[in-house]
Amino acid sequence: MSARAGGISQPPWDSCNLGDHVQDDAEAVRHNRAVFAQHLGAQPVWLQQVHGDRVLRLSADNLRAASTPIADGALTTEPGIGCVVMVADCLPLLLAAPEGRGVAALHAGWRGLAGAGQGMLAGRGIVHSGVAALCEAASCDPADLSVWLGPCIGPAHFEVGPDVLAGFGVDPTDAARTGAHPRFAPRAAGSASGDVGGDVEGGGKWLADLPGLARDILRALGVRHITGGDACTVSDATRFFSYRRDGRTGRQAAGICLR
């Protein structure tokens, strides 16, 4: 997982911005990505992320491709290929199958987690897609996987509206009355929007626990080995870029490979 230090980008992208879509100097981004690849120890395949549920299986052909594939997750069973996702406030997940049989990286905002929107367990979100795809490719069960949750917007800062609750199958009216859902804490006022899965509509009235929601989905799918998820991008401006905090800013990345 990269942080914002260690690159050559100038403010407001200082200094290790890895995003090529945020109006930073292109040569600086190329330099920063080369530094990231050196530390990863593999050639990264960068994605055009759209808050969807597509997981791309990477091979040597992807290393030679000129175009950027559209997906919010990548997996590989081949050494030397870096599965990489970029984030500013969304949640990166890194997955590893046992015995070096496969790895994957997923990019999850709330839309990616909620999937089809009929509740987080009924939908076809990025975590559902990623776990299923890696298990198939590596011939293993979800219980065999190890999953790490990277830095993202924390539950003290992720202010959302009723559409987000509805996306996870939670009735906003019932949640406002009882305040009983463990991943949504009522908040009286304020609103926010950002690239954590798309704009929030209808005003912000709850604080959402993005890594907590991801853990719930992973456990429901049978994943037992889950770590991370305790670092907040918004509250740590020294270490992390945050779109929600700064607006015009850079992107960090999480990557995983087989060596």
C-alpha atoms as a PDB file:
ATOM      1  CA  MET A   1       0.000   0.000   0.000  1.00  0.00           C
ATOM      2  CA  SER A   2       1.424   3.346  -0.995  1.00  0.00           C
ATOM      3  CA  ALA A   3       1.125   6.546   1.009  1.00  0.00           C
ATOM      4  CA  ARG A   4       1.356  10.117  -0.198  1.00  0.00           C
ATOM      5  CA  ALA A   5       5.098  10.528   0.542  1.00  0.00           C
ATOM      6  CA  GLY A   6       7.987   9.353  -1.623  1.00  0.00           C
ATOM      7  CA  GLY A   7       7.200  10.821  -5.056  1.00  0.00           C
ATOM      8  CA  ILE A   8       7.923  13.979  -7.058  1.00  0.00           C
ATOM      9  CA  SER A   9       4.449  15.452  -7.645  1.00  0.00           C
ATOM     10  CA  GLN A  10       3.910  19.056  -6.594  1.00  0.00           C
ATOM     11  CA  PRO A  11       1.040  20.355  -4.421  1.00  0.00           C
ATOM     12  CA  PRO A  12      -1.852  19.636  -4.264  1.00  0.00           C
ATOM     13  CA  TRP A  13      -0.766  16.155  -5.478  1.00  0.00           C
ATOM     14  CA  ASP A  14       2.313  15.994  -3.249  1.00  0.00           C
ATOM     15  CA  SER A  15       4.104  13.828  -3.470  1.00  0.00           C
ATOM     16  CA  CYS A  16       3.544  10.212  -4.569  1.00  0.00           C
ATOM     17  CA  ASN A  17       0.351  10.663  -6.560  1.00  0.00           C
ATOM     18  CA  LEU A  18      -0.366   7.570  -8.679  1.00  0.00           C
ATOM     19  CA  GLY A  19      -3.540   8.818 -10.382  1.00  0.00           C
ATOM     20  CA  ASP A  20      -3.270   9.770 -14.050  1.00  0.00           C
ATOM     21  CA  HIS A  21      -6.782  11.275 -14.107  1.00  0.00           C
ATOM     22  CA  VAL A  22      -6.418  14.080 -11.539  1.00  0.00           C
ATOM     23  CA  GLN A  23      -4.652  16.768 -13.665  1.00  0.00           C
ATOM     24  CA  ASP A  24      -1.210  16.075 -12.206  1.00  0.00           C
ATOM     25  CA  ASP A  25       1.896  16.325 -14.397  1.00  0.00           C
ATOM     26  CA  ALA A  26       2.044  13.180 -16.534  1.00  0.00           C
ATOM     27  CA  GLU A  27       5.809  12.751 -16.190  1.00  0.00           C
ATOM     28  CA  ALA A  28       5.568  12.990 -12.409  1.00  0.00           C
ATOM     29  CA  VAL A  29       2.877  10.301 -12.375  1.00  0.00           C
ATOM     30  CA  ARG A  30       5.004   8.016 -14.563  1.00  0.00           C
ATOM     31  CA  HIS A  31       7.926   8.462 -12.168  1.00  0.00           C
ATOM     32  CA  ASN A  32       5.755   7.771  -9.123  1.00  0.00           C
ATOM     33  CA  ARG A  33       4.261   4.667 -10.710  1.00  0.00           C
ATOM     34  CA  ALA A  34       7.748   3.366 -11.495  1.00  0.00           C
ATOM     35  CA  VAL A  35       8.695   3.791  -7.820  1.00  0.00           C
ATOM     36  CA  PHE A  36       5.549   1.928  -6.796  1.00  0.00           C
ATOM     37  CA  ALA A  37       6.279  -0.910  -9.245  1.00  0.00           C
ATOM     38  CA  GLN A  38       9.820  -1.235  -7.901  1.00  0.00           C
ATOM     39  CA  HIS A  39       8.566  -1.616  -4.344  1.00  0.00           C
ATOM     40  CA  LEU A  40       5.814  -4.018  -5.417  1.00  0.00           C
ATOM     41  CA  GLY A  41       8.294  -6.226  -7.216  1.00  0.00           C
ATOM     42  CA  ALA A  42       6.036  -6.798 -10.223  1.00  0.00           C
ATOM     43  CA  GLN A  43       4.669  -4.947 -13.233  1.00  0.00           C
ATOM     44  CA  PRO A  44       1.379  -3.313 -12.214  1.00  0.00           C
ATOM     45  CA  VAL A  45      -1.690  -3.443 -14.438  1.00  0.00           C
ATOM     46  CA  TRP A  46      -3.585  -0.192 -13.818  1.00  0.00           C
ATOM     47  CA  LEU A  47      -7.375  -0.143 -14.132  1.00  0.00           C
ATOM     48  CA  GLN A  48     -10.013   2.373 -15.109  1.00  0.00           C
ATOM     49  CA  GLN A  49     -12.257   2.057 -12.063  1.00  0.00           C
ATOM     50  CA  VAL A  50     -16.006   2.748 -12.341  1.00  0.00           C
ATOM     51  CA  HIS A  51     -17.470   1.595  -8.988  1.00  0.00           C
ATOM     52  CA  GLY A  52     -18.713  -1.614 -10.560  1.00  0.00           C
ATOM     53  CA  ASP A  53     -18.322  -5.334  -9.859  1.00  0.00           C
ATOM     54  CA  ARG A  54     -16.125  -6.504 -12.752  1.00  0.00           C
ATOM     55  CA  VAL A  55     -13.006  -8.457 -11.778  1.00  0.00           C
ATOM     56  CA  LEU A  56     -10.450  -8.960 -14.546  1.00  0.00           C
ATOM     57  CA  ARG A  57      -8.188 -12.007 -14.645  1.00  0.00           C
ATOM     58  CA  LEU A  58      -4.707 -10.819 -15.595  1.00  0.00           C
ATOM     59  CA  SER A  59      -2.126 -12.628 -17.698  1.00  0.00           C
ATOM     60  CA  ALA A  60       1.048 -11.688 -19.550  1.00  0.00           C
ATOM     61  CA  ASP A  61      -1.132 -10.321 -22.372  1.00  0.00           C
ATOM     62  CA  ASN A  62      -2.313  -7.528 -20.091  1.00  0.00           C
ATOM     63  CA  LEU A  63       1.273  -6.384 -19.590  1.00  0.00           C
ATOM     64  CA  ARG A  64       1.562  -5.763 -23.340  1.00  0.00           C
ATOM     65  CA  ALA A  65      -1.851  -4.141 -23.848  1.00  0.00           C
ATOM     66  CA  ALA A  66      -1.918  -0.467 -24.815  1.00  0.00           C
ATOM     67  CA  SER A  67      -5.370   0.317 -23.414  1.00  0.00           C
ATOM     68  CA  THR A  68      -6.418   0.586 -19.771  1.00  0.00           C
ATOM     69  CA  PRO A  69      -8.976  -2.108 -18.882  1.00  0.00           C
ATOM     70  CA  ILE A  70     -12.254  -1.088 -17.236  1.00  0.00           C
ATOM     71  CA  ALA A  71     -12.719  -3.002 -13.989  1.00  0.00           C
ATOM     72  CA  ASP A  72     -12.803  -2.538 -10.225  1.00  0.00           C
ATOM     73  CA  GLY A  73     -10.835  -5.641  -9.403  1.00  0.00           C
ATOM     74  CA  ALA A  74      -8.051  -7.790 -10.787  1.00  0.00           C
ATOM     75  CA  LEU A  75      -6.734 -11.266 -10.030  1.00  0.00           C
ATOM     76  CA  THR A  76      -3.887 -13.367 -11.289  1.00  0.00           C
ATOM     77  CA  THR A  77      -2.397 -16.817 -10.854  1.00  0.00           C
ATOM     78  CA  GLU A  78       0.804 -15.865 -12.713  1.00  0.00           C
ATOM     79  CA  PRO A  79       3.994 -14.534 -11.063  1.00  0.00           C
ATOM     80  CA  GLY A  80       5.307 -11.068 -11.849  1.00  0.00           C
ATOM     81  CA  ILE A  81       1.942  -9.416 -12.554  1.00  0.00           C
ATOM     82  CA  GLY A  82       0.737  -6.737 -10.142  1.00  0.00           C
ATOM     83  CA  CYS A  83      -2.960  -6.559  -9.276  1.00  0.00           C
ATOM     84  CA  VAL A  84      -3.445  -2.908  -8.338  1.00  0.00           C
ATOM     85  CA  VAL A  85      -6.310  -0.589  -7.376  1.00  0.00           C
ATOM     86  CA  MET A  86      -6.173   3.170  -6.802  1.00  0.00           C
ATOM     87  CA  VAL A  87      -8.003   4.852  -3.938  1.00  0.00           C
ATOM     88  CA  ALA A  88      -8.415   8.199  -2.208  1.00  0.00           C
ATOM     89  CA  ASP A  89     -11.229   7.356   0.238  1.00  0.00           C
ATOM     90  CA  CYS A  90     -12.644   4.097  -1.119  1.00  0.00           C
ATOM     91  CA  LEU A  91     -11.622   0.804   0.441  1.00  0.00           C
ATOM     92  CA  PRO A  92      -8.861  -1.309  -1.136  1.00  0.00           C
ATOM     93  CA  LEU A  93      -8.974  -5.049  -0.448  1.00  0.00           C
ATOM     94  CA  LEU A  94      -6.044  -7.388  -1.096  1.00  0.00           C
ATOM     95  CA  LEU A  95      -6.821 -11.110  -1.275  1.00  0.00           C
ATOM     96  CA  ALA A  96      -4.480 -14.098  -1.231  1.00  0.00           C
ATOM     97  CA  ALA A  97      -5.278 -17.744  -1.888  1.00  0.00           C
ATOM     98  CA  PRO A  98      -3.277 -20.412  -0.025  1.00  0.00           C
ATOM     99  CA  GLU A  99       0.067 -21.798  -1.254  1.00  0.00           C
ATOM    100  CA  GLY A 100       0.613 -18.926  -3.663  1.00  0.00           C
ATOM    101  CA  ARG A 101      -2.163 -20.117  -5.979  1.00  0.00           C
ATOM    102  CA  GLY A 102      -3.600 -16.671  -6.684  1.00  0.00           C
ATOM    103  CA  VAL A 103      -3.994 -13.072  -5.541  1.00  0.00           C
ATOM    104  CA  ALA A 104      -6.484 -10.273  -6.161  1.00  0.00           C
ATOM    105  CA  ALA A 105      -6.997  -6.560  -5.521  1.00  0.00           C
ATOM    106  CA  LEU A 106     -10.446  -4.951  -5.244  1.00  0.00           C
ATOM    107  CA  HIS A 107     -11.630  -1.322  -5.205  1.00  0.00           C
ATOM    108  CA  ALA A 108     -14.747  -0.856  -3.074  1.00  0.00           C
ATOM    109  CA  GLY A 109     -16.751   2.293  -2.516  1.00  0.00           C
ATOM    110  CA  TRP A 110     -20.235   1.937  -1.102  1.00  0.00           C
ATOM    111  CA  ARG A 111     -21.755   1.356  -4.558  1.00  0.00           C
ATOM    112  CA  GLY A 112     -19.226  -1.368  -5.287  1.00  0.00           C
ATOM    113  CA  LEU A 113     -19.946  -3.051  -1.969  1.00  0.00           C
ATOM    114  CA  ALA A 114     -23.743  -2.800  -2.295  1.00  0.00           C
ATOM    115  CA  GLY A 115     -23.797  -4.162  -5.847  1.00  0.00           C
ATOM    116  CA  ALA A 116     -27.306  -4.604  -7.244  1.00  0.00           C
ATOM    117  CA  GLY A 117     -28.845  -2.823  -4.264  1.00  0.00           C
ATOM    118  CA  GLN A 118     -31.106  -5.542  -2.841  1.00  0.00           C
ATOM    119  CA  GLY A 119     -29.140  -5.750   0.378  1.00  0.00           C
ATOM    120  CA  MET A 120     -25.442  -6.388   0.717  1.00  0.00           C
ATOM    121  CA  LEU A 121     -25.851 -10.174   0.797  1.00  0.00           C
ATOM    122  CA  ALA A 122     -28.311 -10.402  -2.093  1.00  0.00           C
ATOM    123  CA  GLY A 123     -26.480  -8.030  -4.430  1.00  0.00           C
ATOM    124  CA  ARG A 124     -23.657  -8.801  -6.792  1.00  0.00           C
ATOM    125  CA  GLY A 125     -21.037  -6.421  -5.428  1.00  0.00           C
ATOM    126  CA  ILE A 126     -17.304  -6.245  -6.014  1.00  0.00           C
ATOM    127  CA  VAL A 127     -16.506  -8.330  -2.919  1.00  0.00           C
ATOM    128  CA  HIS A 128     -18.897 -11.072  -4.055  1.00  0.00           C
ATOM    129  CA  SER A 129     -17.337 -11.030  -7.524  1.00  0.00           C
ATOM    130  CA  GLY A 130     -13.770 -10.920  -6.258  1.00  0.00           C
ATOM    131  CA  VAL A 131     -14.071 -13.737  -3.746  1.00  0.00           C
ATOM    132  CA  ALA A 132     -15.893 -15.970  -6.231  1.00  0.00           C
ATOM    133  CA  ALA A 133     -13.436 -15.272  -9.053  1.00  0.00           C
ATOM    134  CA  LEU A 134     -10.313 -15.865  -6.966  1.00  0.00           C
ATOM    135  CA  CYS A 135     -11.696 -19.048  -5.422  1.00  0.00           C
ATOM    136  CA  GLU A 136     -12.505 -20.397  -8.878  1.00  0.00           C
ATOM    137  CA  ALA A 137      -9.107 -19.456 -10.307  1.00  0.00           C
ATOM    138  CA  ALA A 138      -7.167 -20.829  -7.322  1.00  0.00           C
ATOM    139  CA  SER A 139      -9.385 -23.872  -6.682  1.00  0.00           C
ATOM    140  CA  CYS A 140     -10.046 -22.978  -3.066  1.00  0.00           C
ATOM    141  CA  ASP A 141     -12.870 -22.036  -0.707  1.00  0.00           C
ATOM    142  CA  PRO A 142     -13.566 -18.574   0.773  1.00  0.00           C
ATOM    143  CA  ALA A 143     -12.470 -19.912   4.152  1.00  0.00           C
ATOM    144  CA  ASP A 144      -9.011 -20.490   2.680  1.00  0.00           C
ATOM    145  CA  LEU A 145      -8.510 -16.855   1.641  1.00  0.00           C
ATOM    146  CA  SER A 146      -6.613 -14.183   3.553  1.00  0.00           C
ATOM    147  CA  VAL A 147      -7.974 -10.649   3.077  1.00  0.00           C
ATOM    148  CA  TRP A 148      -6.415  -7.318   4.073  1.00  0.00           C
ATOM    149  CA  LEU A 149      -8.474  -4.112   4.224  1.00  0.00           C
ATOM    150  CA  GLY A 150      -6.477  -0.980   3.457  1.00  0.00           C
ATOM    151  CA  PRO A 151      -6.882   2.648   4.526  1.00  0.00           C
ATOM    152  CA  CYS A 152     -10.175   4.310   3.593  1.00  0.00           C
ATOM    153  CA  ILE A 153     -12.564   6.945   4.861  1.00  0.00           C
ATOM    154  CA  GLY A 154     -13.309   6.020   8.473  1.00  0.00           C
ATOM    155  CA  PRO A 155     -16.680   5.692  10.216  1.00  0.00           C
ATOM    156  CA  ALA A 156     -16.211   9.040  11.979  1.00  0.00           C
ATOM    157  CA  HIS A 157     -16.096  10.877   8.623  1.00  0.00           C
ATOM    158  CA  PHE A 158     -18.143   8.958   6.049  1.00  0.00           C
ATOM    159  CA  GLU A 159     -21.376  10.956   6.109  1.00  0.00           C
ATOM    160  CA  VAL A 160     -24.057   9.474   3.852  1.00  0.00           C
ATOM    161  CA  GLY A 161     -27.701   9.904   2.873  1.00  0.00           C
ATOM    162  CA  PRO A 162     -30.686   7.543   2.833  1.00  0.00           C
ATOM    163  CA  ASP A 163     -29.780   6.223  -0.630  1.00  0.00           C
ATOM    164  CA  VAL A 164     -26.688   4.573   0.815  1.00  0.00           C
ATOM    165  CA  LEU A 165     -28.681   2.807   3.519  1.00  0.00           C
ATOM    166  CA  ALA A 166     -31.206   1.681   0.923  1.00  0.00           C
ATOM    167  CA  GLY A 167     -28.351   0.338  -1.207  1.00  0.00           C
ATOM    168  CA  PHE A 168     -27.502  -2.073   1.610  1.00  0.00           C
ATOM    169  CA  GLY A 169     -31.104  -3.123   2.140  1.00  0.00           C
ATOM    170  CA  VAL A 170     -31.548  -0.939   5.237  1.00  0.00           C
ATOM    171  CA  ASP A 171     -34.817   0.991   5.579  1.00  0.00           C
ATOM    172  CA  PRO A 172     -33.767   4.623   6.269  1.00  0.00           C
ATOM    173  CA  THR A 173     -37.003   5.375   8.119  1.00  0.00           C
ATOM    174  CA  ASP A 174     -36.580   2.382  10.399  1.00  0.00           C
ATOM    175  CA  ALA A 175     -32.889   3.166  10.922  1.00  0.00           C
ATOM    176  CA  ALA A 176     -33.714   6.763  11.881  1.00  0.00           C
ATOM    177  CA  ARG A 177     -36.308   5.592  14.372  1.00  0.00           C
ATOM    178  CA  THR A 178     -34.332   2.816  16.033  1.00  0.00           C
ATOM    179  CA  GLY A 179     -30.694   3.642  15.291  1.00  0.00           C
ATOM    180  CA  ALA A 180     -30.099  -0.070  15.594  1.00  0.00           C
ATOM    181  CA  HIS A 181     -28.004  -0.906  12.518  1.00  0.00           C
ATOM    182  CA  PRO A 182     -24.405  -1.546  13.634  1.00  0.00           C
ATOM    183  CA  ARG A 183     -22.831  -0.004  10.512  1.00  0.00           C
ATOM    184  CA  PHE A 184     -24.893   3.219  10.299  1.00  0.00           C
ATOM    185  CA  ALA A 185     -24.835   5.753  13.137  1.00  0.00           C
ATOM    186  CA  PRO A 186     -27.484   8.519  13.006  1.00  0.00           C
ATOM    187  CA  ARG A 187     -26.214  12.050  12.427  1.00  0.00           C
ATOM    188  CA  ALA A 188     -28.518  15.035  12.686  1.00  0.00           C
ATOM    189  CA  ALA A 189     -27.238  17.384   9.985  1.00  0.00           C
ATOM    190  CA  GLY A 190     -24.729  17.947   7.184  1.00  0.00           C
ATOM    191  CA  SER A 191     -24.170  16.504   3.737  1.00  0.00           C
ATOM    192  CA  ALA A 192     -21.240  15.314   1.724  1.00  0.00           C
ATOM    193  CA  SER A 193     -20.314  13.901  -1.642  1.00  0.00           C
ATOM    194  CA  GLY A 194     -17.206  12.445  -3.150  1.00  0.00           C
ATOM    195  CA  ASP A 195     -15.711   9.566  -5.079  1.00  0.00           C
ATOM    196  CA  VAL A 196     -16.491   6.969  -2.419  1.00  0.00           C
ATOM    197  CA  GLY A 197     -18.828   5.204  -4.800  1.00  0.00           C
ATOM    198  CA  GLY A 198     -20.602   8.201  -6.334  1.00  0.00           C
ATOM    199  CA  ASP A 199     -22.478  11.258  -5.114  1.00  0.00           C
ATOM    200  CA  VAL A 200     -24.613  11.053  -2.008  1.00  0.00           C
ATOM    201  CA  GLU A 201     -28.178  12.207  -2.603  1.00  0.00           C
ATOM    202  CA  GLY A 202     -30.767  13.541  -0.218  1.00  0.00           C
ATOM    203  CA  GLY A 203     -28.470  14.997   2.458  1.00  0.00           C
ATOM    204  CA  GLY A 204     -26.175  13.327   4.950  1.00  0.00           C
ATOM    205  CA  LYS A 205     -27.859  11.926   8.035  1.00  0.00           C
ATOM    206  CA  TRP A 206     -25.761   8.886   8.939  1.00  0.00           C
ATOM    207  CA  LEU A 207     -22.137   7.962   9.471  1.00  0.00           C
ATOM    208  CA  ALA A 208     -21.316   4.742   7.638  1.00  0.00           C
ATOM    209  CA  ASP A 209     -18.671   2.171   8.539  1.00  0.00           C
ATOM    210  CA  LEU A 210     -17.217   1.183   5.149  1.00  0.00           C
ATOM    211  CA  PRO A 211     -14.643  -1.374   6.393  1.00  0.00           C
ATOM    212  CA  GLY A 212     -17.253  -2.781   8.774  1.00  0.00           C
ATOM    213  CA  LEU A 213     -19.659  -3.320   5.888  1.00  0.00           C
ATOM    214  CA  ALA A 214     -16.890  -5.067   3.931  1.00  0.00           C
ATOM    215  CA  ARG A 215     -16.130  -7.340   6.881  1.00  0.00           C
ATOM    216  CA  ASP A 216     -19.807  -8.270   7.176  1.00  0.00           C
ATOM    217  CA  ILE A 217     -19.935  -9.254   3.512  1.00  0.00           C
ATOM    218  CA  LEU A 218     -16.684 -11.203   3.668  1.00  0.00           C
ATOM    219  CA  ARG A 219     -17.799 -13.150   6.730  1.00  0.00           C
ATOM    220  CA  ALA A 220     -21.174 -13.891   5.167  1.00  0.00           C
ATOM    221  CA  LEU A 221     -19.326 -15.312   2.154  1.00  0.00           C
ATOM    222  CA  GLY A 222     -17.290 -17.581   4.432  1.00  0.00           C
ATOM    223  CA  VAL A 223     -14.025 -15.628   4.624  1.00  0.00           C
ATOM    224  CA  ARG A 224     -12.438 -16.087   8.051  1.00  0.00           C
ATOM    225  CA  HIS A 225      -8.992 -14.490   7.818  1.00  0.00           C
ATOM    226  CA  ILE A 226      -9.534 -10.700   7.691  1.00  0.00           C
ATOM    227  CA  THR A 227      -7.088  -8.037   8.852  1.00  0.00           C
ATOM    228  CA  GLY A 228      -6.655  -4.267   8.489  1.00  0.00           C
ATOM    229  CA  GLY A 229      -9.377  -1.678   7.996  1.00  0.00           C
ATOM    230  CA  ASP A 230      -8.340   0.550  10.891  1.00  0.00           C
ATOM    231  CA  ALA A 231      -6.596   3.441   9.071  1.00  0.00           C
ATOM    232  CA  CYS A 232      -8.614   6.525   8.039  1.00  0.00           C
ATOM    233  CA  THR A 233      -7.598   8.526   4.981  1.00  0.00           C
ATOM    234  CA  VAL A 234      -9.580  11.629   5.994  1.00  0.00           C
ATOM    235  CA  SER A 235      -8.119  12.008   9.475  1.00  0.00           C
ATOM    236  CA  ASP A 236      -4.468  11.452   8.485  1.00  0.00           C
ATOM    237  CA  ALA A 237      -3.506  14.177   5.998  1.00  0.00           C
ATOM    238  CA  THR A 238       0.210  13.528   6.467  1.00  0.00           C
ATOM    239  CA  ARG A 239       0.040   9.930   5.268  1.00  0.00           C
ATOM    240  CA  PHE A 240      -2.916   9.753   2.885  1.00  0.00           C
ATOM    241  CA  PHE A 241      -4.661  11.531   0.043  1.00  0.00           C
ATOM    242  CA  SER A 242      -8.373  12.093   0.654  1.00  0.00           C
ATOM    243  CA  TYR A 243     -10.815  13.347  -1.965  1.00  0.00           C
ATOM    244  CA  ARG A 244     -13.490  13.847   0.663  1.00  0.00           C
ATOM    245  CA  ARG A 245     -11.155  16.059   2.705  1.00  0.00           C
ATOM    246  CA  ASP A 246      -9.304  17.976  -0.017  1.00  0.00           C
ATOM    247  CA  GLY A 247     -11.205  17.705  -3.307  1.00  0.00           C
ATOM    248  CA  ARG A 248      -8.294  18.311  -5.686  1.00  0.00           C
ATOM    249  CA  THR A 249      -5.722  15.755  -4.607  1.00  0.00           C
ATOM    250  CA  GLY A 250      -3.818  12.615  -5.562  1.00  0.00           C
ATOM    251  CA  ARG A 251      -4.422   8.896  -5.300  1.00  0.00           C
ATOM    252  CA  GLN A 252      -2.625   6.127  -3.446  1.00  0.00           C
ATOM    253  CA  ALA A 253      -2.687   2.499  -4.514  1.00  0.00           C
ATOM    254  CA  ALA A 254      -2.753  -1.005  -3.076  1.00  0.00           C
ATOM    255  CA  GLY A 255      -1.102  -3.833  -4.944  1.00  0.00           C
ATOM    256  CA  ILE A 256      -0.409  -7.538  -4.599  1.00  0.00           C
ATOM    257  CA  CYS A 257       1.494 -10.058  -6.713  1.00  0.00           C
ATOM    258  CA  LEU A 258       2.955 -13.534  -6.843  1.00  0.00           C
ATOM    259  CA  ARG A 259       6.732 -13.714  -6.924  1.00  0.00           C
END
